[in-house]
Amino acid sequence: MTYSSATLLRDVDLRPASPPILRTDAAGDTAGWAAGHRDALRAVVAEHGCVLVRGLGLRDPESTAAVFRRLATGLMPDLESFAPRRTYADGVYSSSKWPPNQQMCMHHELSYALEFPGLMLFACLDAPAGGGATAVADGHAVLDALPARLTERFAREGWLLTRTYNDEIGATLTEAFGTEDRAAVERYCRTHAIDFAWQGDGSLRTRQRRGAVVRHPVTGRPCWFNQIAFLNEWTMDPEVREYLVDVYGPDGLPFNTRHGNGDPIGEDVVRLINEVYEAHTVREPWHSGDLMLVDNVRTAHGREPFEGPREVLAALADPVRLTDCTPLTTTTEARTA
């Protein structure tokens, strides 16, 4: 049976504290099911910001990649990543490697880049014994819930991401840029509005300024769209932060964020942003075989700590350029849009 968009929307299970869930049975032909339901599924995502599809029975990277390609208009390479991933196929990756006992806080994938995915695709091949949900939060609601004084400054100034690439913490230079050729890295940085400086030890430090509040490229609605809190030093586990500062110095952290004018962001600001995210977060434990589609501009995602093996594949799909999202410069404009 092929669902129309209207039929599929009616069949979506909407429950408090959980993302929208659609239960189905692909009868073994997952790629065919995805092709037949692509438009209807994308209509659900347009309506709700995300959807978890349960019952597909995704088992292996090959069939998962086929499903991803039928649901997306195009898959992106994972460049400028903050953490390494395993590559399964072109455009199909593992979830970001992150300590399983640590929360991966809410973020919009590659929101610090000039081009980022409009759609994130996730598939759980092996659900963990406990925890590990890919939680989501609505960027419209988060923007409305944050204090105007805070969003006004970030809307006006934007935010800065600073990075220091090394071979020990986070994505290495080669993993982030897809090459170890210095000249190629420099060309990429110049093309993508990234300031860079090579350090005496051979490491690279970069700095890029981006908008913090953008219009959705389809709906035009304003979204809180950034990684201000997630990539900030105050979101790190205190012991990890102290170790990194001791080893690399306060200016050599693998990543950190600042106000758009370069001022440090206070611990209280980071805590407030994460608290607002948590208040608007919904989550559903993964079942092996599940599929999840997330509107990356409207909806932030994160990862809960977990126990036991966990294999979740990801694809960055449907590239969007920052210029298509018209970064907003005032809170008033954002809140009255």
Foldseek 3Di string as FASTA:
>chain_A
DADDLVRQLVQWDDDPQAATEHEDAPPPQLLVNLLRHQVSLVSNCVVRQKYKYPHDQDADPVSVVSSVPSNFPFFDDQAQFFAFWDDPDVQKTWPGDDALQDWQFWAQAPLQWQKFFQKKKKAWNDFFPDFWWWKKFFQLQLLVPDDQVVLFQCLAQAKKKKFKADDPHTDHPCRNHVDPDPVSSVVVCVVTVKDWDQDPVRIIMIMGGDHQWWANLPPRAIGRHGCQLSQALLSDDVVVSVVQCVVQNPNHHRMHMDRNVRHRDDSVVSVVSRVSRVVRMHTDGDDRGMMMMGRSRGMIIITIRGHGDITMMMGRHDMDGRVSTHRGNGSVVNVVD
